[in-house]
């Protein structure tokens, strides 16, 4: 249920109404926007009479929310959310570019790539320390050593770290050392993991599952937000279809659909979507012009010899060329790309 308050409502009146509602056993989430103040009610609202609430002198109108996701719902939060990650921002008019290798391979590798990514204009560093692989015999990542190397790269460049968490076992280490925790496509519905990252204060990048609907994706975000962490960014990384020519199919219409349904920022990962480097520039440009709030691009100094997913990585020179175009498109869209000092 959503209660839209009149502009004339005073703080003490809002507090009094909030107490009346919480006494009925519901959770009340106030949202103070630029044009209106909303009280979002979550829980068993059957004890709350819409007619009675509607008659309250500070209430403009009362709405029932049919969708199962509440905190992620734009009806609960009409204004676009801006997520701040170690001084950088993503959402609304702020654009983020997350760039780096698929896997952290060594100190020289991750630092050199981070330096090139920053020089080209990226404002976040990605790199896999823990790698979910289809085959148990494939490289699984350097794990905690990879986290240490990512921290060295951040010290050298100032780029905030974005890396994937696969298990609740390492939540404490990620909360201490990582600036944005990535939940990968295969873990989008790992509800125990979602609840644990929801208990942290670290921003979360939630990738869409390979066959997930928009509602399932937003419900996963709801799991995180329901635990108290509302700093969630959604990432479209391609979905599985009947097509076999590409690794996945990039669902570019996810951007306007999600922006209609939710206030959360949404970014695009063109590297995993197509699975081939030649597709990344076209899909990146499409992503910017679709209204996305950011990009996540894999780059590697030697893609042919990368330890994982080299076929979808741009080399640093190709990334330079892409960023030169992306910056122009970001300006056309009226967005701002924060530079890392």
C-alpha atoms as a PDB file:
ATOM      1  CA  UNK A   1       0.000   0.000   0.000  1.00  0.00           C
ATOM      2  CA  UNK A   2       1.177   3.541  -0.770  1.00  0.00           C
ATOM      3  CA  UNK A   3      -0.009   6.649   1.035  1.00  0.00           C
ATOM      4  CA  UNK A   4       0.631   9.910  -0.814  1.00  0.00           C
ATOM      5  CA  UNK A   5       0.677  12.869   1.555  1.00  0.00           C
ATOM      6  CA  UNK A   6      -0.350  16.444   0.941  1.00  0.00           C
ATOM      7  CA  UNK A   7       2.428  18.995   0.433  1.00  0.00           C
ATOM      8  CA  UNK A   8       1.197  20.834   3.538  1.00  0.00           C
ATOM      9  CA  UNK A   9       1.819  17.835   5.831  1.00  0.00           C
ATOM     10  CA  UNK A  10       4.048  18.711   8.803  1.00  0.00           C
ATOM     11  CA  UNK A  11       6.712  16.440  10.278  1.00  0.00           C
ATOM     12  CA  UNK A  12       4.865  15.890  13.557  1.00  0.00           C
ATOM     13  CA  UNK A  13       1.694  14.984  11.647  1.00  0.00           C
ATOM     14  CA  UNK A  14       3.617  12.502   9.502  1.00  0.00           C
ATOM     15  CA  UNK A  15       5.214  10.994  12.625  1.00  0.00           C
ATOM     16  CA  UNK A  16       1.796  10.625  14.260  1.00  0.00           C
ATOM     17  CA  UNK A  17       0.326   8.864  11.215  1.00  0.00           C
ATOM     18  CA  UNK A  18       3.404   6.654  10.926  1.00  0.00           C
ATOM     19  CA  UNK A  19       3.008   5.523  14.550  1.00  0.00           C
ATOM     20  CA  UNK A  20      -0.666   4.694  13.984  1.00  0.00           C
ATOM     21  CA  UNK A  21       0.302   2.509  11.047  1.00  0.00           C
ATOM     22  CA  UNK A  22       3.223   0.731  12.743  1.00  0.00           C
ATOM     23  CA  UNK A  23       0.956  -0.038  15.696  1.00  0.00           C
ATOM     24  CA  UNK A  24      -1.089  -2.129  13.234  1.00  0.00           C
ATOM     25  CA  UNK A  25       1.988  -4.287  12.540  1.00  0.00           C
ATOM     26  CA  UNK A  26       3.117  -2.942   9.169  1.00  0.00           C
ATOM     27  CA  UNK A  27       6.535  -1.587   8.211  1.00  0.00           C
ATOM     28  CA  UNK A  28       6.395   2.049   7.117  1.00  0.00           C
ATOM     29  CA  UNK A  29       9.059   3.381   4.735  1.00  0.00           C
ATOM     30  CA  UNK A  30       8.839   7.159   4.269  1.00  0.00           C
ATOM     31  CA  UNK A  31      10.095   8.506   0.932  1.00  0.00           C
ATOM     32  CA  UNK A  32      10.589  12.259   0.698  1.00  0.00           C
ATOM     33  CA  UNK A  33      10.798  13.194  -2.973  1.00  0.00           C
ATOM     34  CA  UNK A  34      11.183  16.458  -4.805  1.00  0.00           C
ATOM     35  CA  UNK A  35       7.465  16.791  -5.541  1.00  0.00           C
ATOM     36  CA  UNK A  36       5.756  14.587  -2.934  1.00  0.00           C
ATOM     37  CA  UNK A  37       6.118  12.631   0.288  1.00  0.00           C
ATOM     38  CA  UNK A  38       5.075   8.982   0.316  1.00  0.00           C
ATOM     39  CA  UNK A  39       4.589   6.420   3.056  1.00  0.00           C
ATOM     40  CA  UNK A  40       5.193   2.930   1.702  1.00  0.00           C
ATOM     41  CA  UNK A  41       3.564   0.144   3.703  1.00  0.00           C
ATOM     42  CA  UNK A  42       5.055  -3.355   3.638  1.00  0.00           C
ATOM     43  CA  UNK A  43       3.644  -6.400   5.397  1.00  0.00           C
ATOM     44  CA  UNK A  44       0.108  -7.491   6.229  1.00  0.00           C
ATOM     45  CA  UNK A  45      -1.875  -4.390   5.246  1.00  0.00           C
ATOM     46  CA  UNK A  46      -5.235  -6.135   5.643  1.00  0.00           C
ATOM     47  CA  UNK A  47      -5.598  -4.484   9.076  1.00  0.00           C
ATOM     48  CA  UNK A  48      -5.189  -1.016   7.533  1.00  0.00           C
ATOM     49  CA  UNK A  49      -8.426   0.465   6.244  1.00  0.00           C
ATOM     50  CA  UNK A  50      -7.871   2.385   3.022  1.00  0.00           C
ATOM     51  CA  UNK A  51     -11.064   4.363   3.593  1.00  0.00           C
ATOM     52  CA  UNK A  52     -10.056   5.409   7.110  1.00  0.00           C
ATOM     53  CA  UNK A  53      -6.559   6.430   6.025  1.00  0.00           C
ATOM     54  CA  UNK A  54      -7.951   8.326   3.044  1.00  0.00           C
ATOM     55  CA  UNK A  55      -9.975  10.505   5.428  1.00  0.00           C
ATOM     56  CA  UNK A  56      -6.875  11.634   7.355  1.00  0.00           C
ATOM     57  CA  UNK A  57      -6.392  15.366   6.823  1.00  0.00           C
ATOM     58  CA  UNK A  58      -2.759  15.069   5.585  1.00  0.00           C
ATOM     59  CA  UNK A  59      -3.469  12.255   3.100  1.00  0.00           C
ATOM     60  CA  UNK A  60      -3.824  13.086  -0.598  1.00  0.00           C
ATOM     61  CA  UNK A  61      -4.672   9.550  -1.771  1.00  0.00           C
ATOM     62  CA  UNK A  62      -4.092   5.871  -1.031  1.00  0.00           C
ATOM     63  CA  UNK A  63      -3.022   3.265  -3.606  1.00  0.00           C
ATOM     64  CA  UNK A  64      -2.767  -0.510  -3.540  1.00  0.00           C
ATOM     65  CA  UNK A  65       0.440  -1.962  -5.000  1.00  0.00           C
ATOM     66  CA  UNK A  66      -0.283  -5.149  -6.937  1.00  0.00           C
ATOM     67  CA  UNK A  67       3.335  -6.043  -7.733  1.00  0.00           C
ATOM     68  CA  UNK A  68       5.054  -8.348  -5.200  1.00  0.00           C
ATOM     69  CA  UNK A  69       8.157  -6.127  -5.059  1.00  0.00           C
ATOM     70  CA  UNK A  70       7.687  -3.042  -2.894  1.00  0.00           C
ATOM     71  CA  UNK A  71      10.951  -1.297  -2.007  1.00  0.00           C
ATOM     72  CA  UNK A  72      12.233  -1.718  -5.581  1.00  0.00           C
ATOM     73  CA  UNK A  73       8.953  -0.406  -6.986  1.00  0.00           C
ATOM     74  CA  UNK A  74       8.867   3.040  -8.583  1.00  0.00           C
ATOM     75  CA  UNK A  75       5.430   3.568  -7.052  1.00  0.00           C
ATOM     76  CA  UNK A  76       7.104   3.472  -3.637  1.00  0.00           C
ATOM     77  CA  UNK A  77       9.956   5.738  -4.756  1.00  0.00           C
ATOM     78  CA  UNK A  78       9.013   7.985  -7.717  1.00  0.00           C
ATOM     79  CA  UNK A  79      12.434   9.688  -7.989  1.00  0.00           C
ATOM     80  CA  UNK A  80      15.402   7.872  -9.560  1.00  0.00           C
ATOM     81  CA  UNK A  81      17.825   6.461  -7.004  1.00  0.00           C
ATOM     82  CA  UNK A  82      21.451   7.582  -7.115  1.00  0.00           C
ATOM     83  CA  UNK A  83      23.878   5.056  -5.622  1.00  0.00           C
ATOM     84  CA  UNK A  84      27.167   6.409  -4.293  1.00  0.00           C
ATOM     85  CA  UNK A  85      30.153   4.065  -4.392  1.00  0.00           C
ATOM     86  CA  UNK A  86      33.304   5.389  -2.706  1.00  0.00           C
ATOM     87  CA  UNK A  87      32.709   8.918  -3.987  1.00  0.00           C
ATOM     88  CA  UNK A  88      31.467   7.902  -7.453  1.00  0.00           C
ATOM     89  CA  UNK A  89      27.781   7.984  -8.424  1.00  0.00           C
ATOM     90  CA  UNK A  90      25.527   5.890 -10.642  1.00  0.00           C
ATOM     91  CA  UNK A  91      21.884   6.681 -11.304  1.00  0.00           C
ATOM     92  CA  UNK A  92      19.654   9.458 -12.582  1.00  0.00           C
ATOM     93  CA  UNK A  93      22.060  11.746 -14.470  1.00  0.00           C
ATOM     94  CA  UNK A  94      25.242  10.004 -13.323  1.00  0.00           C
ATOM     95  CA  UNK A  95      26.840   7.416 -15.629  1.00  0.00           C
ATOM     96  CA  UNK A  96      29.257   4.713 -14.527  1.00  0.00           C
ATOM     97  CA  UNK A  97      31.823   2.814 -16.588  1.00  0.00           C
ATOM     98  CA  UNK A  98      33.100  -0.349 -14.903  1.00  0.00           C
ATOM     99  CA  UNK A  99      36.077  -1.796 -16.754  1.00  0.00           C
ATOM    100  CA  UNK A 100      38.750  -4.410 -16.204  1.00  0.00           C
ATOM    101  CA  UNK A 101      39.678  -8.035 -16.866  1.00  0.00           C
ATOM    102  CA  UNK A 102      37.398 -11.002 -16.465  1.00  0.00           C
ATOM    103  CA  UNK A 103      39.871 -12.499 -13.984  1.00  0.00           C
ATOM    104  CA  UNK A 104      42.615 -11.090 -11.804  1.00  0.00           C
ATOM    105  CA  UNK A 105      45.762 -12.899 -12.984  1.00  0.00           C
ATOM    106  CA  UNK A 106      48.594 -11.074 -11.245  1.00  0.00           C
ATOM    107  CA  UNK A 107      49.779  -7.783  -9.768  1.00  0.00           C
ATOM    108  CA  UNK A 108      51.324  -6.294 -12.930  1.00  0.00           C
ATOM    109  CA  UNK A 109      48.329  -7.358 -15.032  1.00  0.00           C
ATOM    110  CA  UNK A 110      45.604  -5.844 -12.852  1.00  0.00           C
ATOM    111  CA  UNK A 111      47.470  -2.608 -12.106  1.00  0.00           C
ATOM    112  CA  UNK A 112      48.397  -1.961 -15.753  1.00  0.00           C
ATOM    113  CA  UNK A 113      44.829  -2.620 -16.933  1.00  0.00           C
ATOM    114  CA  UNK A 114      43.424  -0.418 -14.155  1.00  0.00           C
ATOM    115  CA  UNK A 115      45.709   2.417 -15.220  1.00  0.00           C
ATOM    116  CA  UNK A 116      44.628   2.142 -18.860  1.00  0.00           C
ATOM    117  CA  UNK A 117      40.964   1.896 -17.885  1.00  0.00           C
ATOM    118  CA  UNK A 118      41.199   5.051 -15.778  1.00  0.00           C
ATOM    119  CA  UNK A 119      43.113   6.929 -18.481  1.00  0.00           C
ATOM    120  CA  UNK A 120      40.341   6.123 -20.975  1.00  0.00           C
ATOM    121  CA  UNK A 121      37.653   7.449 -18.616  1.00  0.00           C
ATOM    122  CA  UNK A 122      36.405   4.450 -16.644  1.00  0.00           C
ATOM    123  CA  UNK A 123      35.480   5.297 -13.071  1.00  0.00           C
ATOM    124  CA  UNK A 124      35.283   1.772 -11.606  1.00  0.00           C
ATOM    125  CA  UNK A 125      37.556  -1.289 -11.764  1.00  0.00           C
ATOM    126  CA  UNK A 126      36.124  -4.772 -12.293  1.00  0.00           C
ATOM    127  CA  UNK A 127      38.078  -7.980 -11.901  1.00  0.00           C
ATOM    128  CA  UNK A 128      37.128 -11.505 -10.887  1.00  0.00           C
ATOM    129  CA  UNK A 129      38.839 -12.856  -7.781  1.00  0.00           C
ATOM    130  CA  UNK A 130      36.295 -15.677  -7.425  1.00  0.00           C
ATOM    131  CA  UNK A 131      35.140 -17.075 -10.764  1.00  0.00           C
ATOM    132  CA  UNK A 132      31.976 -19.142 -11.357  1.00  0.00           C
ATOM    133  CA  UNK A 133      32.834 -21.411 -14.293  1.00  0.00           C
ATOM    134  CA  UNK A 134      30.698 -23.909 -16.171  1.00  0.00           C
ATOM    135  CA  UNK A 135      33.467 -26.516 -15.958  1.00  0.00           C
ATOM    136  CA  UNK A 136      34.963 -27.505 -12.581  1.00  0.00           C
ATOM    137  CA  UNK A 137      38.305 -27.900 -14.381  1.00  0.00           C
ATOM    138  CA  UNK A 138      38.463 -24.278 -15.550  1.00  0.00           C
ATOM    139  CA  UNK A 139      40.367 -21.539 -13.711  1.00  0.00           C
ATOM    140  CA  UNK A 140      38.315 -20.594 -10.630  1.00  0.00           C
ATOM    141  CA  UNK A 141      40.110 -17.366  -9.713  1.00  0.00           C
ATOM    142  CA  UNK A 142      42.846 -16.365  -7.236  1.00  0.00           C
ATOM    143  CA  UNK A 143      40.222 -15.910  -4.491  1.00  0.00           C
ATOM    144  CA  UNK A 144      41.474 -13.875  -1.480  1.00  0.00           C
ATOM    145  CA  UNK A 145      44.819 -13.258  -3.182  1.00  0.00           C
ATOM    146  CA  UNK A 146      42.841 -11.739  -6.041  1.00  0.00           C
ATOM    147  CA  UNK A 147      41.132  -9.388  -3.586  1.00  0.00           C
ATOM    148  CA  UNK A 148      44.535  -8.292  -2.295  1.00  0.00           C
ATOM    149  CA  UNK A 149      45.694  -7.518  -5.829  1.00  0.00           C
ATOM    150  CA  UNK A 150      42.530  -5.544  -6.558  1.00  0.00           C
ATOM    151  CA  UNK A 151      43.277  -3.426  -3.489  1.00  0.00           C
ATOM    152  CA  UNK A 152      46.771  -2.740  -4.852  1.00  0.00           C
ATOM    153  CA  UNK A 153      45.234  -1.642  -8.158  1.00  0.00           C
ATOM    154  CA  UNK A 154      42.897   0.689  -6.291  1.00  0.00           C
ATOM    155  CA  UNK A 155      45.832   2.166  -4.372  1.00  0.00           C
ATOM    156  CA  UNK A 156      47.570   2.826  -7.692  1.00  0.00           C
ATOM    157  CA  UNK A 157      44.578   4.366  -9.485  1.00  0.00           C
ATOM    158  CA  UNK A 158      41.869   5.321  -7.002  1.00  0.00           C
ATOM    159  CA  UNK A 159      39.289   3.281  -8.944  1.00  0.00           C
ATOM    160  CA  UNK A 160      36.597   1.735  -6.702  1.00  0.00           C
ATOM    161  CA  UNK A 161      36.559  -2.079  -6.784  1.00  0.00           C
ATOM    162  CA  UNK A 162      33.660  -4.105  -8.222  1.00  0.00           C
ATOM    163  CA  UNK A 163      34.005  -7.875  -7.925  1.00  0.00           C
ATOM    164  CA  UNK A 164      31.787 -10.936  -7.598  1.00  0.00           C
ATOM    165  CA  UNK A 165      30.861 -12.633  -4.330  1.00  0.00           C
ATOM    166  CA  UNK A 166      29.846 -16.270  -4.728  1.00  0.00           C
ATOM    167  CA  UNK A 167      29.462 -17.483  -1.166  1.00  0.00           C
ATOM    168  CA  UNK A 168      28.267 -16.233   2.214  1.00  0.00           C
ATOM    169  CA  UNK A 169      31.601 -17.519   3.529  1.00  0.00           C
ATOM    170  CA  UNK A 170      33.462 -14.383   2.411  1.00  0.00           C
ATOM    171  CA  UNK A 171      30.881 -11.666   3.115  1.00  0.00           C
ATOM    172  CA  UNK A 172      33.007 -10.071   5.863  1.00  0.00           C
ATOM    173  CA  UNK A 173      36.085  -9.859   3.629  1.00  0.00           C
ATOM    174  CA  UNK A 174      34.080  -8.323   0.797  1.00  0.00           C
ATOM    175  CA  UNK A 175      32.407  -5.803   3.091  1.00  0.00           C
ATOM    176  CA  UNK A 176      35.844  -4.719   4.323  1.00  0.00           C
ATOM    177  CA  UNK A 177      37.718  -4.611   0.994  1.00  0.00           C
ATOM    178  CA  UNK A 178      35.231  -4.199  -1.878  1.00  0.00           C
ATOM    179  CA  UNK A 179      33.426  -0.997  -2.887  1.00  0.00           C
ATOM    180  CA  UNK A 180      30.565  -2.701  -4.750  1.00  0.00           C
ATOM    181  CA  UNK A 181      29.668  -6.372  -4.373  1.00  0.00           C
ATOM    182  CA  UNK A 182      28.621  -8.090  -7.589  1.00  0.00           C
ATOM    183  CA  UNK A 183      26.043 -10.878  -7.471  1.00  0.00           C
ATOM    184  CA  UNK A 184      26.404 -12.869 -10.671  1.00  0.00           C
ATOM    185  CA  UNK A 185      23.691 -14.221 -12.953  1.00  0.00           C
ATOM    186  CA  UNK A 186      23.971 -17.740 -11.550  1.00  0.00           C
ATOM    187  CA  UNK A 187      23.434 -16.454  -8.007  1.00  0.00           C
ATOM    188  CA  UNK A 188      20.584 -14.056  -8.766  1.00  0.00           C
ATOM    189  CA  UNK A 189      18.210 -16.335  -6.861  1.00  0.00           C
ATOM    190  CA  UNK A 190      20.644 -17.514  -4.203  1.00  0.00           C
ATOM    191  CA  UNK A 191      18.376 -16.108  -1.511  1.00  0.00           C
ATOM    192  CA  UNK A 192      20.693 -16.808   1.436  1.00  0.00           C
ATOM    193  CA  UNK A 193      23.447 -14.843  -0.327  1.00  0.00           C
ATOM    194  CA  UNK A 194      21.058 -12.006  -1.220  1.00  0.00           C
ATOM    195  CA  UNK A 195      19.932 -11.702   2.393  1.00  0.00           C
ATOM    196  CA  UNK A 196      23.509 -11.629   3.670  1.00  0.00           C
ATOM    197  CA  UNK A 197      24.630  -8.824   1.328  1.00  0.00           C
ATOM    198  CA  UNK A 198      21.412  -7.060   2.261  1.00  0.00           C
ATOM    199  CA  UNK A 199      22.692  -6.881   5.833  1.00  0.00           C
ATOM    200  CA  UNK A 200      25.825  -5.018   4.731  1.00  0.00           C
ATOM    201  CA  UNK A 201      26.156  -1.344   3.863  1.00  0.00           C
ATOM    202  CA  UNK A 202      28.131  -2.071   0.695  1.00  0.00           C
ATOM    203  CA  UNK A 203      26.421  -1.226  -2.626  1.00  0.00           C
ATOM    204  CA  UNK A 204      25.355  -4.287  -4.626  1.00  0.00           C
ATOM    205  CA  UNK A 205      25.455  -4.863  -8.389  1.00  0.00           C
ATOM    206  CA  UNK A 206      22.784  -7.462  -9.145  1.00  0.00           C
ATOM    207  CA  UNK A 207      23.081  -9.224 -12.492  1.00  0.00           C
ATOM    208  CA  UNK A 208      20.020 -10.641 -14.208  1.00  0.00           C
ATOM    209  CA  UNK A 209      19.742 -14.416 -14.307  1.00  0.00           C
ATOM    210  CA  UNK A 210      20.136 -16.184 -17.652  1.00  0.00           C
ATOM    211  CA  UNK A 211      16.399 -16.877 -17.942  1.00  0.00           C
ATOM    212  CA  UNK A 212      14.960 -14.500 -15.352  1.00  0.00           C
ATOM    213  CA  UNK A 213      11.868 -12.398 -15.952  1.00  0.00           C
ATOM    214  CA  UNK A 214      11.851  -8.730 -14.987  1.00  0.00           C
ATOM    215  CA  UNK A 215       9.676  -9.511 -11.971  1.00  0.00           C
ATOM    216  CA  UNK A 216      11.995 -12.295 -10.770  1.00  0.00           C
ATOM    217  CA  UNK A 217      14.962  -9.963 -11.143  1.00  0.00           C
ATOM    218  CA  UNK A 218      13.261  -7.192  -9.166  1.00  0.00           C
ATOM    219  CA  UNK A 219      12.184  -9.677  -6.510  1.00  0.00           C
ATOM    220  CA  UNK A 220      15.844 -10.593  -6.043  1.00  0.00           C
ATOM    221  CA  UNK A 221      16.599  -6.900  -5.562  1.00  0.00           C
ATOM    222  CA  UNK A 222      13.737  -6.854  -3.057  1.00  0.00           C
ATOM    223  CA  UNK A 223      15.463  -9.585  -1.024  1.00  0.00           C
ATOM    224  CA  UNK A 224      18.536  -7.362  -0.665  1.00  0.00           C
ATOM    225  CA  UNK A 225      16.568  -4.199   0.075  1.00  0.00           C
ATOM    226  CA  UNK A 226      14.274  -5.889   2.586  1.00  0.00           C
ATOM    227  CA  UNK A 227      17.319  -6.550   4.787  1.00  0.00           C
ATOM    228  CA  UNK A 228      18.163  -2.834   4.908  1.00  0.00           C
ATOM    229  CA  UNK A 229      20.611  -2.307   2.032  1.00  0.00           C
ATOM    230  CA  UNK A 230      18.842  -0.170  -0.569  1.00  0.00           C
ATOM    231  CA  UNK A 231      22.000   0.641  -2.569  1.00  0.00           C
ATOM    232  CA  UNK A 232      21.248  -1.763  -5.411  1.00  0.00           C
ATOM    233  CA  UNK A 233      22.184  -1.401  -9.084  1.00  0.00           C
ATOM    234  CA  UNK A 234      20.742  -3.779 -11.675  1.00  0.00           C
ATOM    235  CA  UNK A 235      22.862  -5.171 -14.519  1.00  0.00           C
ATOM    236  CA  UNK A 236      21.443  -6.598 -17.757  1.00  0.00           C
ATOM    237  CA  UNK A 237      24.019  -9.084 -19.107  1.00  0.00           C
ATOM    238  CA  UNK A 238      22.066 -10.919 -21.777  1.00  0.00           C
ATOM    239  CA  UNK A 239      19.512 -13.710 -21.543  1.00  0.00           C
ATOM    240  CA  UNK A 240      19.477 -17.233 -22.934  1.00  0.00           C
ATOM    241  CA  UNK A 241      17.409 -17.640 -26.105  1.00  0.00           C
ATOM    242  CA  UNK A 242      17.250 -20.127 -28.986  1.00  0.00           C
ATOM    243  CA  UNK A 243      20.042 -18.235 -30.804  1.00  0.00           C
ATOM    244  CA  UNK A 244      23.426 -19.996 -30.837  1.00  0.00           C
ATOM    245  CA  UNK A 245      25.502 -17.534 -32.873  1.00  0.00           C
ATOM    246  CA  UNK A 246      26.092 -15.375 -29.786  1.00  0.00           C
ATOM    247  CA  UNK A 247      26.746 -16.335 -26.183  1.00  0.00           C
ATOM    248  CA  UNK A 248      23.521 -14.677 -24.997  1.00  0.00           C
ATOM    249  CA  UNK A 249      21.019 -12.173 -26.390  1.00  0.00           C
ATOM    250  CA  UNK A 250      21.267  -8.637 -25.044  1.00  0.00           C
ATOM    251  CA  UNK A 251      17.813  -7.498 -23.923  1.00  0.00           C
ATOM    252  CA  UNK A 252      18.254  -3.781 -24.591  1.00  0.00           C
ATOM    253  CA  UNK A 253      14.573  -3.092 -23.908  1.00  0.00           C
ATOM    254  CA  UNK A 254      15.245  -4.103 -20.313  1.00  0.00           C
ATOM    255  CA  UNK A 255      16.458  -0.538 -19.757  1.00  0.00           C
ATOM    256  CA  UNK A 256      13.193   1.332 -20.424  1.00  0.00           C
ATOM    257  CA  UNK A 257      11.097  -1.467 -18.910  1.00  0.00           C
ATOM    258  CA  UNK A 258      13.067  -1.509 -15.647  1.00  0.00           C
ATOM    259  CA  UNK A 259      13.094   2.279 -15.524  1.00  0.00           C
ATOM    260  CA  UNK A 260       9.294   2.200 -15.787  1.00  0.00           C
ATOM    261  CA  UNK A 261       8.895  -0.416 -13.072  1.00  0.00           C
ATOM    262  CA  UNK A 262      11.678   0.594 -10.687  1.00  0.00           C
ATOM    263  CA  UNK A 263      13.672   3.558  -9.417  1.00  0.00           C
ATOM    264  CA  UNK A 264      16.904   1.539  -9.247  1.00  0.00           C
ATOM    265  CA  UNK A 265      19.763   2.311 -11.666  1.00  0.00           C
ATOM    266  CA  UNK A 266      20.342  -0.176 -14.480  1.00  0.00           C
ATOM    267  CA  UNK A 267      23.587  -0.751 -16.370  1.00  0.00           C
ATOM    268  CA  UNK A 268      24.505  -2.977 -19.325  1.00  0.00           C
ATOM    269  CA  UNK A 269      27.244  -5.619 -19.619  1.00  0.00           C
ATOM    270  CA  UNK A 270      27.837  -5.981 -23.389  1.00  0.00           C
ATOM    271  CA  UNK A 271      30.821  -8.309 -22.913  1.00  0.00           C
ATOM    272  CA  UNK A 272      28.903 -11.231 -21.415  1.00  0.00           C
ATOM    273  CA  UNK A 273      25.833 -10.523 -23.524  1.00  0.00           C
ATOM    274  CA  UNK A 274      27.386 -11.288 -26.897  1.00  0.00           C
ATOM    275  CA  UNK A 275      30.460 -13.189 -25.799  1.00  0.00           C
ATOM    276  CA  UNK A 276      32.557 -11.710 -28.620  1.00  0.00           C
ATOM    277  CA  UNK A 277      34.695  -8.567 -28.591  1.00  0.00           C
ATOM    278  CA  UNK A 278      33.455  -7.361 -31.993  1.00  0.00           C
ATOM    279  CA  UNK A 279      29.934  -6.957 -30.551  1.00  0.00           C
ATOM    280  CA  UNK A 280      30.977  -4.840 -27.567  1.00  0.00           C
ATOM    281  CA  UNK A 281      31.265  -1.396 -29.268  1.00  0.00           C
ATOM    282  CA  UNK A 282      27.865  -1.615 -30.993  1.00  0.00           C
ATOM    283  CA  UNK A 283      26.085  -2.918 -27.915  1.00  0.00           C
ATOM    284  CA  UNK A 284      27.782  -0.313 -25.700  1.00  0.00           C
ATOM    285  CA  UNK A 285      26.596   2.522 -27.925  1.00  0.00           C
ATOM    286  CA  UNK A 286      23.092   1.051 -27.985  1.00  0.00           C
ATOM    287  CA  UNK A 287      23.145   0.820 -24.192  1.00  0.00           C
ATOM    288  CA  UNK A 288      24.017   4.486 -23.727  1.00  0.00           C
ATOM    289  CA  UNK A 289      21.322   5.638 -26.131  1.00  0.00           C
ATOM    290  CA  UNK A 290      18.723   3.351 -24.529  1.00  0.00           C
ATOM    291  CA  UNK A 291      19.051   5.421 -21.355  1.00  0.00           C
ATOM    292  CA  UNK A 292      21.177   2.994 -19.328  1.00  0.00           C
ATOM    293  CA  UNK A 293      23.004   4.365 -16.292  1.00  0.00           C
ATOM    294  CA  UNK A 294      26.287   2.667 -17.039  1.00  0.00           C
ATOM    295  CA  UNK A 295      28.409   0.048 -18.785  1.00  0.00           C
ATOM    296  CA  UNK A 296      30.453  -2.915 -17.584  1.00  0.00           C
ATOM    297  CA  UNK A 297      33.162  -3.768 -20.122  1.00  0.00           C
ATOM    298  CA  UNK A 298      35.876  -6.416 -19.988  1.00  0.00           C
ATOM    299  CA  UNK A 299      39.349  -5.390 -21.161  1.00  0.00           C
ATOM    300  CA  UNK A 300      42.636  -7.281 -21.207  1.00  0.00           C
ATOM    301  CA  UNK A 301      46.130  -6.359 -22.376  1.00  0.00           C
ATOM    302  CA  UNK A 302      46.459  -9.726 -24.167  1.00  0.00           C
ATOM    303  CA  UNK A 303      42.966 -11.172 -24.829  1.00  0.00           C
ATOM    304  CA  UNK A 304      44.256 -14.193 -26.759  1.00  0.00           C
ATOM    305  CA  UNK A 305      46.117 -15.393 -23.660  1.00  0.00           C
ATOM    306  CA  UNK A 306      43.616 -14.331 -20.991  1.00  0.00           C
ATOM    307  CA  UNK A 307      42.937 -16.938 -18.331  1.00  0.00           C
ATOM    308  CA  UNK A 308      39.179 -16.631 -18.855  1.00  0.00           C
ATOM    309  CA  UNK A 309      36.789 -15.203 -21.472  1.00  0.00           C
ATOM    310  CA  UNK A 310      39.482 -13.603 -23.612  1.00  0.00           C
ATOM    311  CA  UNK A 311      37.262 -13.776 -26.693  1.00  0.00           C
ATOM    312  CA  UNK A 312      34.940 -11.118 -25.288  1.00  0.00           C
ATOM    313  CA  UNK A 313      37.619  -8.731 -24.005  1.00  0.00           C
ATOM    314  CA  UNK A 314      38.661  -5.520 -25.733  1.00  0.00           C
ATOM    315  CA  UNK A 315      42.340  -4.641 -25.677  1.00  0.00           C
ATOM    316  CA  UNK A 316      43.245  -1.256 -24.102  1.00  0.00           C
ATOM    317  CA  UNK A 317      43.530   0.520 -27.469  1.00  0.00           C
ATOM    318  CA  UNK A 318      40.077  -0.704 -28.488  1.00  0.00           C
ATOM    319  CA  UNK A 319      38.706   0.451 -25.154  1.00  0.00           C
ATOM    320  CA  UNK A 320      40.244   3.900 -25.727  1.00  0.00           C
ATOM    321  CA  UNK A 321      38.421   4.135 -29.068  1.00  0.00           C
ATOM    322  CA  UNK A 322      35.135   2.980 -27.527  1.00  0.00           C
ATOM    323  CA  UNK A 323      35.324   5.469 -24.663  1.00  0.00           C
ATOM    324  CA  UNK A 324      35.948   8.359 -27.047  1.00  0.00           C
ATOM    325  CA  UNK A 325      32.562   7.623 -28.658  1.00  0.00           C
ATOM    326  CA  UNK A 326      30.777   6.722 -25.413  1.00  0.00           C
ATOM    327  CA  UNK A 327      31.701  10.052 -23.839  1.00  0.00           C
ATOM    328  CA  UNK A 328      30.053  11.893 -26.726  1.00  0.00           C
ATOM    329  CA  UNK A 329      26.907   9.779 -26.432  1.00  0.00           C
ATOM    330  CA  UNK A 330      26.752  10.298 -22.663  1.00  0.00           C
ATOM    331  CA  UNK A 331      26.796  14.052 -23.302  1.00  0.00           C
ATOM    332  CA  UNK A 332      23.999  13.733 -25.874  1.00  0.00           C
ATOM    333  CA  UNK A 333      21.946  11.850 -23.270  1.00  0.00           C
ATOM    334  CA  UNK A 334      22.545  14.661 -20.797  1.00  0.00           C
ATOM    335  CA  UNK A 335      24.367  12.451 -18.316  1.00  0.00           C
ATOM    336  CA  UNK A 336      27.591  13.028 -16.396  1.00  0.00           C
ATOM    337  CA  UNK A 337      30.595  10.695 -16.072  1.00  0.00           C
ATOM    338  CA  UNK A 338      32.398  11.368 -12.791  1.00  0.00           C
ATOM    339  CA  UNK A 339      36.176  11.362 -13.185  1.00  0.00           C
ATOM    340  CA  UNK A 340      38.316   9.626 -10.561  1.00  0.00           C
ATOM    341  CA  UNK A 341      41.057  11.897  -9.233  1.00  0.00           C
END
